[in-house]
Amino acid sequence: MFPSLLLILLFDLAGEALSRFLHVPLPGPVVGMLLLFAALTFRERVAEALAPGGDLLLRWMALFFVPAGVGVMTQAQVLRAEWLPVSVALVASTLIGLGAGAGAFVLAARARR
C-alpha cells in the first residue's frame, strides 16, 4: 500500500514542479492529475500499482469532507449574504466537473479499445 500512496504523491510533486518550472497557468495538483491520467491511459501497470492506495483513499474519502463542512459552518453568515453567487458557482463547477469526468472516461475507453 505504501508504494501506491508514494506513487500518487510523486505524481502530485511532478505536477507541482512542472507547473512552476514551465509557468503553466494550472495548479500543480491539476498538472499532476493530468500526468497520472496519461500514465493510467497508456500503462496498465500503473493502474495495478495504484490499486491498494487508491482503495484506501476511496474507503476513507468521507473524512476529506470534514474540513469543508467545518468551513461551511464557520462561514454561515457569509453564505447567507452571498447565497446566489455561491449557488451559481457550485452548480457551474459541478456541471463542468461532470462533463470533464465524462469526457475523460470516454477518451480512456476509446484508448483501451
PDB file of N, CA and C in Angstrom:
ATOM      1  N   MET A   1       0.815  -1.184   0.000  1.00  0.00           N
ATOM      2  CA  MET A   1       0.000   0.000   0.000  1.00  0.00           C
ATOM      3  C   MET A   1       0.872   1.267   0.000  1.00  0.00           C
ATOM      4  N   PHE A   2       1.955   1.251   0.741  1.00  0.00           N
ATOM      5  CA  PHE A   2       2.834   2.422   0.809  1.00  0.00           C
ATOM      6  C   PHE A   2       3.374   2.816  -0.570  1.00  0.00           C
ATOM      7  N   PRO A   3       3.836   1.870  -1.389  1.00  0.00           N
ATOM      8  CA  PRO A   3       4.335   2.269  -2.717  1.00  0.00           C
ATOM      9  C   PRO A   3       3.276   2.959  -3.574  1.00  0.00           C
ATOM     10  N   SER A   4       2.021   2.516  -3.479  1.00  0.00           N
ATOM     11  CA  SER A   4       0.981   3.148  -4.298  1.00  0.00           C
ATOM     12  C   SER A   4       0.685   4.564  -3.815  1.00  0.00           C
ATOM     13  N   LEU A   5       0.673   4.783  -2.498  1.00  0.00           N
ATOM     14  CA  LEU A   5       0.480   6.136  -1.988  1.00  0.00           C
ATOM     15  C   LEU A   5       1.668   7.025  -2.349  1.00  0.00           C
ATOM     16  N   LEU A   6       2.859   6.466  -2.307  1.00  0.00           N
ATOM     17  CA  LEU A   6       4.048   7.208  -2.694  1.00  0.00           C
ATOM     18  C   LEU A   6       3.985   7.594  -4.175  1.00  0.00           C
ATOM     19  N   LEU A   7       3.499   6.691  -5.010  1.00  0.00           N
ATOM     20  CA  LEU A   7       3.371   6.981  -6.439  1.00  0.00           C
ATOM     21  C   LEU A   7       2.385   8.126  -6.680  1.00  0.00           C
ATOM     22  N   ILE A   8       1.277   8.128  -5.946  1.00  0.00           N
ATOM     23  CA  ILE A   8       0.306   9.218  -6.071  1.00  0.00           C
ATOM     24  C   ILE A   8       0.949  10.540  -5.668  1.00  0.00           C
ATOM     25  N   LEU A   9       1.681  10.540  -4.575  1.00  0.00           N
ATOM     26  CA  LEU A   9       2.362  11.753  -4.131  1.00  0.00           C
ATOM     27  C   LEU A   9       3.439  12.199  -5.112  1.00  0.00           C
ATOM     28  N   LEU A  10       4.106  11.242  -5.742  1.00  0.00           N
ATOM     29  CA  LEU A  10       5.126  11.599  -6.740  1.00  0.00           C
ATOM     30  C   LEU A  10       4.507  12.276  -7.960  1.00  0.00           C
ATOM     31  N   PHE A  11       3.345  11.821  -8.372  1.00  0.00           N
ATOM     32  CA  PHE A  11       2.656  12.491  -9.480  1.00  0.00           C
ATOM     33  C   PHE A  11       2.260  13.905  -9.077  1.00  0.00           C
ATOM     34  N   ASP A  12       1.807  14.072  -7.842  1.00  0.00           N
ATOM     35  CA  ASP A  12       1.478  15.404  -7.342  1.00  0.00           C
ATOM     36  C   ASP A  12       2.716  16.301  -7.339  1.00  0.00           C
ATOM     37  N   LEU A  13       3.820  15.767  -6.857  1.00  0.00           N
ATOM     38  CA  LEU A  13       5.073  16.528  -6.808  1.00  0.00           C
ATOM     39  C   LEU A  13       5.565  16.867  -8.213  1.00  0.00           C
ATOM     40  N   ALA A  14       5.476  15.915  -9.121  1.00  0.00           N
ATOM     41  CA  ALA A  14       5.895  16.162 -10.504  1.00  0.00           C
ATOM     42  C   ALA A  14       5.027  17.246 -11.144  1.00  0.00           C
ATOM     43  N   GLY A  15       3.738  17.209 -10.875  1.00  0.00           N
ATOM     44  CA  GLY A  15       2.843  18.241 -11.403  1.00  0.00           C
ATOM     45  C   GLY A  15       3.178  19.608 -10.849  1.00  0.00           C
ATOM     46  N   GLU A  16       3.470  19.655  -9.556  1.00  0.00           N
ATOM     47  CA  GLU A  16       3.840  20.935  -8.935  1.00  0.00           C
ATOM     48  C   GLU A  16       5.137  21.474  -9.536  1.00  0.00           C
ATOM     49  N   ALA A  17       6.111  20.597  -9.712  1.00  0.00           N
ATOM     50  CA  ALA A  17       7.398  21.012 -10.283  1.00  0.00           C
ATOM     51  C   ALA A  17       7.227  21.497 -11.722  1.00  0.00           C
ATOM     52  N   LEU A  18       6.477  20.753 -12.522  1.00  0.00           N
ATOM     53  CA  LEU A  18       6.259  21.160 -13.917  1.00  0.00           C
ATOM     54  C   LEU A  18       5.496  22.470 -13.998  1.00  0.00           C
ATOM     55  N   SER A  19       4.494  22.622 -13.165  1.00  0.00           N
ATOM     56  CA  SER A  19       3.704  23.844 -13.179  1.00  0.00           C
ATOM     57  C   SER A  19       4.565  25.065 -12.863  1.00  0.00           C
ATOM     58  N   ARG A  20       5.438  24.923 -11.890  1.00  0.00           N
ATOM     59  CA  ARG A  20       6.305  26.056 -11.530  1.00  0.00           C
ATOM     60  C   ARG A  20       7.414  26.280 -12.552  1.00  0.00           C
ATOM     61  N   PHE A  21       8.004  25.199 -13.033  1.00  0.00           N
ATOM     62  CA  PHE A  21       9.129  25.306 -13.961  1.00  0.00           C
ATOM     63  C   PHE A  21       8.691  25.857 -15.319  1.00  0.00           C
ATOM     64  N   LEU A  22       7.556  25.365 -15.815  1.00  0.00           N
ATOM     65  CA  LEU A  22       7.078  25.779 -17.135  1.00  0.00           C
ATOM     66  C   LEU A  22       6.143  26.979 -17.080  1.00  0.00           C
ATOM     67  N   HIS A  23       5.848  27.466 -15.874  1.00  0.00           N
ATOM     68  CA  HIS A  23       4.943  28.603 -15.690  1.00  0.00           C
ATOM     69  C   HIS A  23       3.592  28.347 -16.352  1.00  0.00           C
ATOM     70  N   VAL A  24       3.084  27.147 -16.147  1.00  0.00           N
ATOM     71  CA  VAL A  24       1.779  26.757 -16.685  1.00  0.00           C
ATOM     72  C   VAL A  24       0.697  27.422 -15.830  1.00  0.00           C
ATOM     73  N   PRO A  25      -0.352  27.957 -16.435  1.00  0.00           N
ATOM     74  CA  PRO A  25      -1.391  28.618 -15.634  1.00  0.00           C
ATOM     75  C   PRO A  25      -2.373  27.635 -14.999  1.00  0.00           C
ATOM     76  N   LEU A  26      -1.871  26.505 -14.569  1.00  0.00           N
ATOM     77  CA  LEU A  26      -2.680  25.491 -13.880  1.00  0.00           C
ATOM     78  C   LEU A  26      -2.012  25.173 -12.552  1.00  0.00           C
ATOM     79  N   PRO A  27      -2.809  24.875 -11.537  1.00  0.00           N
ATOM     80  CA  PRO A  27      -2.194  24.463 -10.266  1.00  0.00           C
ATOM     81  C   PRO A  27      -1.413  23.158 -10.434  1.00  0.00           C
ATOM     82  N   GLY A  28      -0.377  22.993  -9.630  1.00  0.00           N
ATOM     83  CA  GLY A  28       0.454  21.797  -9.698  1.00  0.00           C
ATOM     84  C   GLY A  28      -0.318  20.495  -9.545  1.00  0.00           C
ATOM     85  N   PRO A  29      -1.261  20.397  -8.582  1.00  0.00           N
ATOM     86  CA  PRO A  29      -2.015  19.150  -8.459  1.00  0.00           C
ATOM     87  C   PRO A  29      -2.828  18.807  -9.713  1.00  0.00           C
ATOM     88  N   VAL A  30      -3.304  19.825 -10.424  1.00  0.00           N
ATOM     89  CA  VAL A  30      -4.056  19.562 -11.662  1.00  0.00           C
ATOM     90  C   VAL A  30      -3.114  19.004 -12.726  1.00  0.00           C
ATOM     91  N   VAL A  31      -1.932  19.572 -12.832  1.00  0.00           N
ATOM     92  CA  VAL A  31      -0.935  19.063 -13.779  1.00  0.00           C
ATOM     93  C   VAL A  31      -0.556  17.629 -13.389  1.00  0.00           C
ATOM     94  N   GLY A  32      -0.398  17.376 -12.097  1.00  0.00           N
ATOM     95  CA  GLY A  32      -0.106  16.026 -11.623  1.00  0.00           C
ATOM     96  C   GLY A  32      -1.207  15.048 -11.975  1.00  0.00           C
ATOM     97  N   MET A  33      -2.468  15.485 -11.851  1.00  0.00           N
ATOM     98  CA  MET A  33      -3.587  14.604 -12.220  1.00  0.00           C
ATOM     99  C   MET A  33      -3.584  14.316 -13.716  1.00  0.00           C
ATOM    100  N   LEU A  34      -3.217  15.321 -14.520  1.00  0.00           N
ATOM    101  CA  LEU A  34      -3.129  15.087 -15.962  1.00  0.00           C
ATOM    102  C   LEU A  34      -2.018  14.091 -16.292  1.00  0.00           C
ATOM    103  N   LEU A  35      -0.901  14.214 -15.593  1.00  0.00           N
ATOM    104  CA  LEU A  35       0.194  13.250 -15.779  1.00  0.00           C
ATOM    105  C   LEU A  35      -0.245  11.846 -15.357  1.00  0.00           C
ATOM    106  N   LEU A  36      -0.942  11.772 -14.237  1.00  0.00           N
ATOM    107  CA  LEU A  36      -1.437  10.481 -13.762  1.00  0.00           C
ATOM    108  C   LEU A  36      -2.443   9.898 -14.743  1.00  0.00           C
ATOM    109  N   PHE A  37      -3.321  10.740 -15.275  1.00  0.00           N
ATOM    110  CA  PHE A  37      -4.286  10.273 -16.270  1.00  0.00           C
ATOM    111  C   PHE A  37      -3.577   9.712 -17.498  1.00  0.00           C
ATOM    112  N   ALA A  38      -2.547  10.425 -17.957  1.00  0.00           N
ATOM    113  CA  ALA A  38      -1.791   9.937 -19.118  1.00  0.00           C
ATOM    114  C   ALA A  38      -1.121   8.602 -18.796  1.00  0.00           C
ATOM    115  N   ALA A  39      -0.549   8.488 -17.612  1.00  0.00           N
ATOM    116  CA  ALA A  39       0.100   7.231 -17.230  1.00  0.00           C
ATOM    117  C   ALA A  39      -0.909   6.099 -17.137  1.00  0.00           C
ATOM    118  N   LEU A  40      -2.076   6.377 -16.576  1.00  0.00           N
ATOM    119  CA  LEU A  40      -3.110   5.347 -16.465  1.00  0.00           C
ATOM    120  C   LEU A  40      -3.658   4.950 -17.829  1.00  0.00           C
ATOM    121  N   THR A  41      -3.693   5.914 -18.750  1.00  0.00           N
ATOM    122  CA  THR A  41      -4.222   5.632 -20.080  1.00  0.00           C
ATOM    123  C   THR A  41      -3.275   4.754 -20.893  1.00  0.00           C
ATOM    124  N   PHE A  42      -1.975   5.009 -20.764  1.00  0.00           N
ATOM    125  CA  PHE A  42      -1.026   4.332 -21.627  1.00  0.00           C
ATOM    126  C   PHE A  42      -0.284   3.163 -20.976  1.00  0.00           C
ATOM    127  N   ARG A  43      -0.371   3.016 -19.669  1.00  0.00           N
ATOM    128  CA  ARG A  43       0.332   1.928 -18.972  1.00  0.00           C
ATOM    129  C   ARG A  43      -0.599   1.220 -18.011  1.00  0.00           C
ATOM    130  N   GLU A  44      -0.915  -0.026 -18.294  1.00  0.00           N
ATOM    131  CA  GLU A  44      -1.799  -0.793 -17.410  1.00  0.00           C
ATOM    132  C   GLU A  44      -1.146  -1.072 -16.059  1.00  0.00           C
ATOM    133  N   ARG A  45       0.163  -1.192 -16.040  1.00  0.00           N
ATOM    134  CA  ARG A  45       0.861  -1.492 -14.787  1.00  0.00           C
ATOM    135  C   ARG A  45       0.691  -0.389 -13.757  1.00  0.00           C
ATOM    136  N   VAL A  46       0.504   0.840 -14.211  1.00  0.00           N
ATOM    137  CA  VAL A  46       0.314   1.948 -13.273  1.00  0.00           C
ATOM    138  C   VAL A  46      -0.991   1.756 -12.505  1.00  0.00           C
ATOM    139  N   ALA A  47      -2.043   1.355 -13.196  1.00  0.00           N
ATOM    140  CA  ALA A  47      -3.328   1.116 -12.525  1.00  0.00           C
ATOM    141  C   ALA A  47      -3.206   0.002 -11.491  1.00  0.00           C
ATOM    142  N   GLU A  48      -2.496  -1.048 -11.839  1.00  0.00           N
ATOM    143  CA  GLU A  48      -2.306  -2.152 -10.893  1.00  0.00           C
ATOM    144  C   GLU A  48      -1.498  -1.699  -9.683  1.00  0.00           C
ATOM    145  N   ALA A  49      -0.504  -0.856  -9.908  1.00  0.00           N
ATOM    146  CA  ALA A  49       0.337  -0.384  -8.810  1.00  0.00           C
ATOM    147  C   ALA A  49      -0.419   0.565  -7.888  1.00  0.00           C
ATOM    148  N   LEU A  50      -1.377   1.318  -8.442  1.00  0.00           N
ATOM    149  CA  LEU A  50      -2.120   2.294  -7.641  1.00  0.00           C
ATOM    150  C   LEU A  50      -3.310   1.699  -6.906  1.00  0.00           C
ATOM    151  N   ALA A  51      -3.703   0.490  -7.235  1.00  0.00           N
ATOM    152  CA  ALA A  51      -4.932  -0.088  -6.675  1.00  0.00           C
ATOM    153  C   ALA A  51      -4.967  -0.108  -5.144  1.00  0.00           C
ATOM    154  N   PRO A  52      -3.949  -0.574  -4.433  1.00  0.00           N
ATOM    155  CA  PRO A  52      -4.064  -0.616  -2.959  1.00  0.00           C
ATOM    156  C   PRO A  52      -4.220   0.761  -2.323  1.00  0.00           C
ATOM    157  N   GLY A  53      -3.435   1.724  -2.752  1.00  0.00           N
ATOM    158  CA  GLY A  53      -3.536   3.072  -2.198  1.00  0.00           C
ATOM    159  C   GLY A  53      -4.823   3.763  -2.603  1.00  0.00           C
ATOM    160  N   GLY A  54      -5.232   3.550  -3.833  1.00  0.00           N
ATOM    161  CA  GLY A  54      -6.488   4.127  -4.302  1.00  0.00           C
ATOM    162  C   GLY A  54      -7.680   3.591  -3.538  1.00  0.00           C
ATOM    163  N   ASP A  55      -7.675   2.287  -3.275  1.00  0.00           N
ATOM    164  CA  ASP A  55      -8.749   1.692  -2.478  1.00  0.00           C
ATOM    165  C   ASP A  55      -8.793   2.288  -1.077  1.00  0.00           C
ATOM    166  N   LEU A  56      -7.622   2.475  -0.480  1.00  0.00           N
ATOM    167  CA  LEU A  56      -7.566   3.062   0.857  1.00  0.00           C
ATOM    168  C   LEU A  56      -8.126   4.487   0.852  1.00  0.00           C
ATOM    169  N   LEU A  57      -7.704   5.292  -0.118  1.00  0.00           N
ATOM    170  CA  LEU A  57      -8.192   6.669  -0.189  1.00  0.00           C
ATOM    171  C   LEU A  57      -9.699   6.715  -0.421  1.00  0.00           C
ATOM    172  N   LEU A  58     -10.204   5.853  -1.275  1.00  0.00           N
ATOM    173  CA  LEU A  58     -11.643   5.831  -1.529  1.00  0.00           C
ATOM    174  C   LEU A  58     -12.421   5.372  -0.304  1.00  0.00           C
ATOM    175  N   ARG A  59     -11.862   4.439   0.435  1.00  0.00           N
ATOM    176  CA  ARG A  59     -12.537   3.930   1.632  1.00  0.00           C
ATOM    177  C   ARG A  59     -12.715   5.032   2.677  1.00  0.00           C
ATOM    178  N   TRP A  60     -11.745   5.934   2.779  1.00  0.00           N
ATOM    179  CA  TRP A  60     -11.776   6.982   3.797  1.00  0.00           C
ATOM    180  C   TRP A  60     -12.074   8.359   3.214  1.00  0.00           C
ATOM    181  N   MET A  61     -12.634   8.406   2.017  1.00  0.00           N
ATOM    182  CA  MET A  61     -12.874   9.668   1.333  1.00  0.00           C
ATOM    183  C   MET A  61     -13.794  10.609   2.122  1.00  0.00           C
ATOM    184  N   ALA A  62     -14.737  10.073   2.860  1.00  0.00           N
ATOM    185  CA  ALA A  62     -15.672  10.919   3.612  1.00  0.00           C
ATOM    186  C   ALA A  62     -14.924  11.826   4.590  1.00  0.00           C
ATOM    187  N   LEU A  63     -13.798  11.378   5.109  1.00  0.00           N
ATOM    188  CA  LEU A  63     -13.041  12.205   6.046  1.00  0.00           C
ATOM    189  C   LEU A  63     -12.456  13.447   5.376  1.00  0.00           C
ATOM    190  N   PHE A  64     -12.261  13.398   4.055  1.00  0.00           N
ATOM    191  CA  PHE A  64     -11.725  14.557   3.359  1.00  0.00           C
ATOM    192  C   PHE A  64     -12.721  15.714   3.337  1.00  0.00           C
ATOM    193  N   PHE A  65     -14.006  15.427   3.561  1.00  0.00           N
ATOM    194  CA  PHE A  65     -15.024  16.464   3.520  1.00  0.00           C
ATOM    195  C   PHE A  65     -15.254  17.124   4.872  1.00  0.00           C
ATOM    196  N   VAL A  66     -14.657  16.610   5.922  1.00  0.00           N
ATOM    197  CA  VAL A  66     -14.828  17.203   7.252  1.00  0.00           C
ATOM    198  C   VAL A  66     -14.317  18.639   7.299  1.00  0.00           C
ATOM    199  N   PRO A  67     -13.109  18.953   6.819  1.00  0.00           N
ATOM    200  CA  PRO A  67     -12.668  20.364   6.853  1.00  0.00           C
ATOM    201  C   PRO A  67     -13.588  21.286   6.059  1.00  0.00           C
ATOM    202  N   ALA A  68     -14.088  20.831   4.930  1.00  0.00           N
ATOM    203  CA  ALA A  68     -15.000  21.660   4.136  1.00  0.00           C
ATOM    204  C   ALA A  68     -16.294  21.902   4.907  1.00  0.00           C
ATOM    205  N   GLY A  69     -16.800  20.890   5.561  1.00  0.00           N
ATOM    206  CA  GLY A  69     -18.021  21.048   6.354  1.00  0.00           C
ATOM    207  C   GLY A  69     -17.842  22.007   7.507  1.00  0.00           C
ATOM    208  N   VAL A  70     -16.695  21.944   8.159  1.00  0.00           N
ATOM    209  CA  VAL A  70     -16.403  22.873   9.252  1.00  0.00           C
ATOM    210  C   VAL A  70     -16.303  24.296   8.708  1.00  0.00           C
ATOM    211  N   GLY A  71     -15.675  24.456   7.558  1.00  0.00           N
ATOM    212  CA  GLY A  71     -15.574  25.778   6.942  1.00  0.00           C
ATOM    213  C   GLY A  71     -16.936  26.350   6.598  1.00  0.00           C
ATOM    214  N   VAL A  72     -17.830  25.527   6.100  1.00  0.00           N
ATOM    215  CA  VAL A  72     -19.186  25.992   5.787  1.00  0.00           C
ATOM    216  C   VAL A  72     -19.888  26.450   7.059  1.00  0.00           C
ATOM    217  N   MET A  73     -19.737  25.691   8.125  1.00  0.00           N
ATOM    218  CA  MET A  73     -20.401  26.045   9.384  1.00  0.00           C
ATOM    219  C   MET A  73     -19.847  27.341   9.972  1.00  0.00           C
ATOM    220  N   THR A  74     -18.556  27.571   9.850  1.00  0.00           N
ATOM    221  CA  THR A  74     -17.968  28.781  10.429  1.00  0.00           C
ATOM    222  C   THR A  74     -18.243  30.017   9.576  1.00  0.00           C
ATOM    223  N   GLN A  75     -18.577  29.833   8.316  1.00  0.00           N
ATOM    224  CA  GLN A  75     -18.830  30.958   7.416  1.00  0.00           C
ATOM    225  C   GLN A  75     -20.301  31.065   7.027  1.00  0.00           C
ATOM    226  N   ALA A  76     -21.189  30.636   7.896  1.00  0.00           N
ATOM    227  CA  ALA A  76     -22.619  30.623   7.577  1.00  0.00           C
ATOM    228  C   ALA A  76     -23.146  32.023   7.262  1.00  0.00           C
ATOM    229  N   GLN A  77     -22.680  33.037   7.954  1.00  0.00           N
ATOM    230  CA  GLN A  77     -23.160  34.402   7.703  1.00  0.00           C
ATOM    231  C   GLN A  77     -22.771  34.871   6.300  1.00  0.00           C
ATOM    232  N   VAL A  78     -21.564  34.572   5.899  1.00  0.00           N
ATOM    233  CA  VAL A  78     -21.116  34.954   4.554  1.00  0.00           C
ATOM    234  C   VAL A  78     -21.949  34.216   3.513  1.00  0.00           C
ATOM    235  N   LEU A  79     -22.220  32.954   3.742  1.00  0.00           N
ATOM    236  CA  LEU A  79     -23.015  32.176   2.794  1.00  0.00           C
ATOM    237  C   LEU A  79     -24.447  32.704   2.696  1.00  0.00           C
ATOM    238  N   ARG A  80     -25.011  33.131   3.820  1.00  0.00           N
ATOM    239  CA  ARG A  80     -26.353  33.722   3.784  1.00  0.00           C
ATOM    240  C   ARG A  80     -26.358  35.018   2.959  1.00  0.00           C
ATOM    241  N   ALA A  81     -25.321  35.816   3.108  1.00  0.00           N
ATOM    242  CA  ALA A  81     -25.258  37.093   2.396  1.00  0.00           C
ATOM    243  C   ALA A  81     -24.954  36.909   0.904  1.00  0.00           C
ATOM    244  N   GLU A  82     -24.181  35.879   0.558  1.00  0.00           N
ATOM    245  CA  GLU A  82     -23.730  35.677  -0.829  1.00  0.00           C
ATOM    246  C   GLU A  82     -24.256  34.372  -1.412  1.00  0.00           C
ATOM    247  N   TRP A  83     -25.482  34.017  -1.084  1.00  0.00           N
ATOM    248  CA  TRP A  83     -26.004  32.716  -1.487  1.00  0.00           C
ATOM    249  C   TRP A  83     -26.124  32.555  -3.000  1.00  0.00           C
ATOM    250  N   LEU A  84     -26.494  33.613  -3.722  1.00  0.00           N
ATOM    251  CA  LEU A  84     -26.693  33.483  -5.169  1.00  0.00           C
ATOM    252  C   LEU A  84     -25.382  33.217  -5.913  1.00  0.00           C
ATOM    253  N   PRO A  85     -24.328  34.027  -5.727  1.00  0.00           N
ATOM    254  CA  PRO A  85     -23.081  33.710  -6.439  1.00  0.00           C
ATOM    255  C   PRO A  85     -22.492  32.361  -6.037  1.00  0.00           C
ATOM    256  N   VAL A  86     -22.630  32.018  -4.761  1.00  0.00           N
ATOM    257  CA  VAL A  86     -22.115  30.719  -4.307  1.00  0.00           C
ATOM    258  C   VAL A  86     -22.895  29.593  -4.969  1.00  0.00           C
ATOM    259  N   SER A  87     -24.204  29.720  -5.051  1.00  0.00           N
ATOM    260  CA  SER A  87     -25.033  28.685  -5.677  1.00  0.00           C
ATOM    261  C   SER A  87     -24.715  28.531  -7.158  1.00  0.00           C
ATOM    262  N   VAL A  88     -24.564  29.659  -7.848  1.00  0.00           N
ATOM    263  CA  VAL A  88     -24.225  29.607  -9.278  1.00  0.00           C
ATOM    264  C   VAL A  88     -22.864  28.940  -9.470  1.00  0.00           C
ATOM    265  N   ALA A  89     -21.899  29.300  -8.635  1.00  0.00           N
ATOM    266  CA  ALA A  89     -20.563  28.705  -8.742  1.00  0.00           C
ATOM    267  C   ALA A  89     -20.602  27.208  -8.455  1.00  0.00           C
ATOM    268  N   LEU A  90     -21.375  26.796  -7.474  1.00  0.00           N
ATOM    269  CA  LEU A  90     -21.475  25.371  -7.154  1.00  0.00           C
ATOM    270  C   LEU A  90     -22.104  24.582  -8.300  1.00  0.00           C
ATOM    271  N   VAL A  91     -23.195  25.093  -8.846  1.00  0.00           N
ATOM    272  CA  VAL A  91     -23.866  24.384  -9.944  1.00  0.00           C
ATOM    273  C   VAL A  91     -22.962  24.341 -11.175  1.00  0.00           C
ATOM    274  N   ALA A  92     -22.355  25.479 -11.512  1.00  0.00           N
ATOM    275  CA  ALA A  92     -21.492  25.523 -12.699  1.00  0.00           C
ATOM    276  C   ALA A  92     -20.285  24.607 -12.540  1.00  0.00           C
ATOM    277  N   SER A  93     -19.639  24.649 -11.382  1.00  0.00           N
ATOM    278  CA  SER A  93     -18.452  23.802 -11.198  1.00  0.00           C
ATOM    279  C   SER A  93     -18.821  22.323 -11.178  1.00  0.00           C
ATOM    280  N   THR A  94     -19.990  21.995 -10.646  1.00  0.00           N
ATOM    281  CA  THR A  94     -20.431  20.606 -10.666  1.00  0.00           C
ATOM    282  C   THR A  94     -20.655  20.126 -12.097  1.00  0.00           C
ATOM    283  N   LEU A  95     -21.330  20.944 -12.889  1.00  0.00           N
ATOM    284  CA  LEU A  95     -21.581  20.557 -14.283  1.00  0.00           C
ATOM    285  C   LEU A  95     -20.287  20.450 -15.085  1.00  0.00           C
ATOM    286  N   ILE A  96     -19.366  21.380 -14.858  1.00  0.00           N
ATOM    287  CA  ILE A  96     -18.076  21.322 -15.559  1.00  0.00           C
ATOM    288  C   ILE A  96     -17.300  20.078 -15.132  1.00  0.00           C
ATOM    289  N   GLY A  97     -17.310  19.777 -13.836  1.00  0.00           N
ATOM    290  CA  GLY A  97     -16.618  18.583 -13.340  1.00  0.00           C
ATOM    291  C   GLY A  97     -17.208  17.300 -13.894  1.00  0.00           C
ATOM    292  N   LEU A  98     -18.540  17.229 -13.938  1.00  0.00           N
ATOM    293  CA  LEU A  98     -19.187  16.046 -14.509  1.00  0.00           C
ATOM    294  C   LEU A  98     -18.854  15.904 -15.991  1.00  0.00           C
ATOM    295  N   GLY A  99     -18.886  17.016 -16.699  1.00  0.00           N
ATOM    296  CA  GLY A  99     -18.543  16.977 -18.131  1.00  0.00           C
ATOM    297  C   GLY A  99     -17.110  16.561 -18.367  1.00  0.00           C
ATOM    298  N   ALA A 100     -16.193  17.098 -17.563  1.00  0.00           N
ATOM    299  CA  ALA A 100     -14.780  16.737 -17.714  1.00  0.00           C
ATOM    300  C   ALA A 100     -14.559  15.271 -17.362  1.00  0.00           C
ATOM    301  N   GLY A 101     -15.212  14.803 -16.309  1.00  0.00           N
ATOM    302  CA  GLY A 101     -15.081  13.392 -15.929  1.00  0.00           C
ATOM    303  C   GLY A 101     -15.636  12.465 -17.003  1.00  0.00           C
ATOM    304  N   ALA A 102     -16.791  12.824 -17.548  1.00  0.00           N
ATOM    305  CA  ALA A 102     -17.381  12.013 -18.614  1.00  0.00           C
ATOM    306  C   ALA A 102     -16.488  12.017 -19.850  1.00  0.00           C
ATOM    307  N   GLY A 103     -15.945  13.191 -20.182  1.00  0.00           N
ATOM    308  CA  GLY A 103     -15.040  13.271 -21.334  1.00  0.00           C
ATOM    309  C   GLY A 103     -13.785  12.445 -21.134  1.00  0.00           C
ATOM    310  N   ALA A 104     -13.225  12.495 -19.933  1.00  0.00           N
ATOM    311  CA  ALA A 104     -12.035  11.691 -19.637  1.00  0.00           C
ATOM    312  C   ALA A 104     -12.348  10.211 -19.719  1.00  0.00           C
ATOM    313  N   PHE A 105     -13.519   9.823 -19.222  1.00  0.00           N
ATOM    314  CA  PHE A 105     -13.915   8.422 -19.297  1.00  0.00           C
ATOM    315  C   PHE A 105     -14.054   7.971 -20.747  1.00  0.00           C
ATOM    316  N   VAL A 106     -14.665   8.789 -21.564  1.00  0.00           N
ATOM    317  CA  VAL A 106     -14.852   8.431 -22.983  1.00  0.00           C
ATOM    318  C   VAL A 106     -13.491   8.297 -23.658  1.00  0.00           C
ATOM    319  N   LEU A 107     -12.585   9.252 -23.402  1.00  0.00           N
ATOM    320  CA  LEU A 107     -11.246   9.166 -24.003  1.00  0.00           C
ATOM    321  C   LEU A 107     -10.498   7.931 -23.542  1.00  0.00           C
ATOM    322  N   ALA A 108     -10.588   7.613 -22.254  1.00  0.00           N
ATOM    323  CA  ALA A 108      -9.907   6.425 -21.735  1.00  0.00           C
ATOM    324  C   ALA A 108     -10.514   5.151 -22.305  1.00  0.00           C
ATOM    325  N   ALA A 109     -11.832   5.126 -22.455  1.00  0.00           N
ATOM    326  CA  ALA A 109     -12.482   3.940 -23.015  1.00  0.00           C
ATOM    327  C   ALA A 109     -12.085   3.746 -24.484  1.00  0.00           C
ATOM    328  N   ARG A 110     -11.981   4.829 -25.221  1.00  0.00           N
ATOM    329  CA  ARG A 110     -11.559   4.728 -26.630  1.00  0.00           C
ATOM    330  C   ARG A 110     -10.093   4.268 -26.726  1.00  0.00           C
ATOM    331  N   ALA A 111      -9.262   4.759 -25.810  1.00  0.00           N
ATOM    332  CA  ALA A 111      -7.851   4.394 -25.848  1.00  0.00           C
ATOM    333  C   ALA A 111      -7.639   2.916 -25.522  1.00  0.00           C
ATOM    334  N   ARG A 112      -8.506   2.358 -24.702  1.00  0.00           N
ATOM    335  CA  ARG A 112      -8.375   0.939 -24.337  1.00  0.00           C
ATOM    336  C   ARG A 112      -8.790   0.014 -25.460  1.00  0.00           C
ATOM    337  N   ARG A 113      -9.632   0.492 -26.368  1.00  0.00           N
ATOM    338  CA  ARG A 113     -10.105  -0.365 -27.477  1.00  0.00           C
ATOM    339  C   ARG A 113      -9.044  -0.596 -28.427  1.00  0.00           C
TER     340      ARG A 113
END
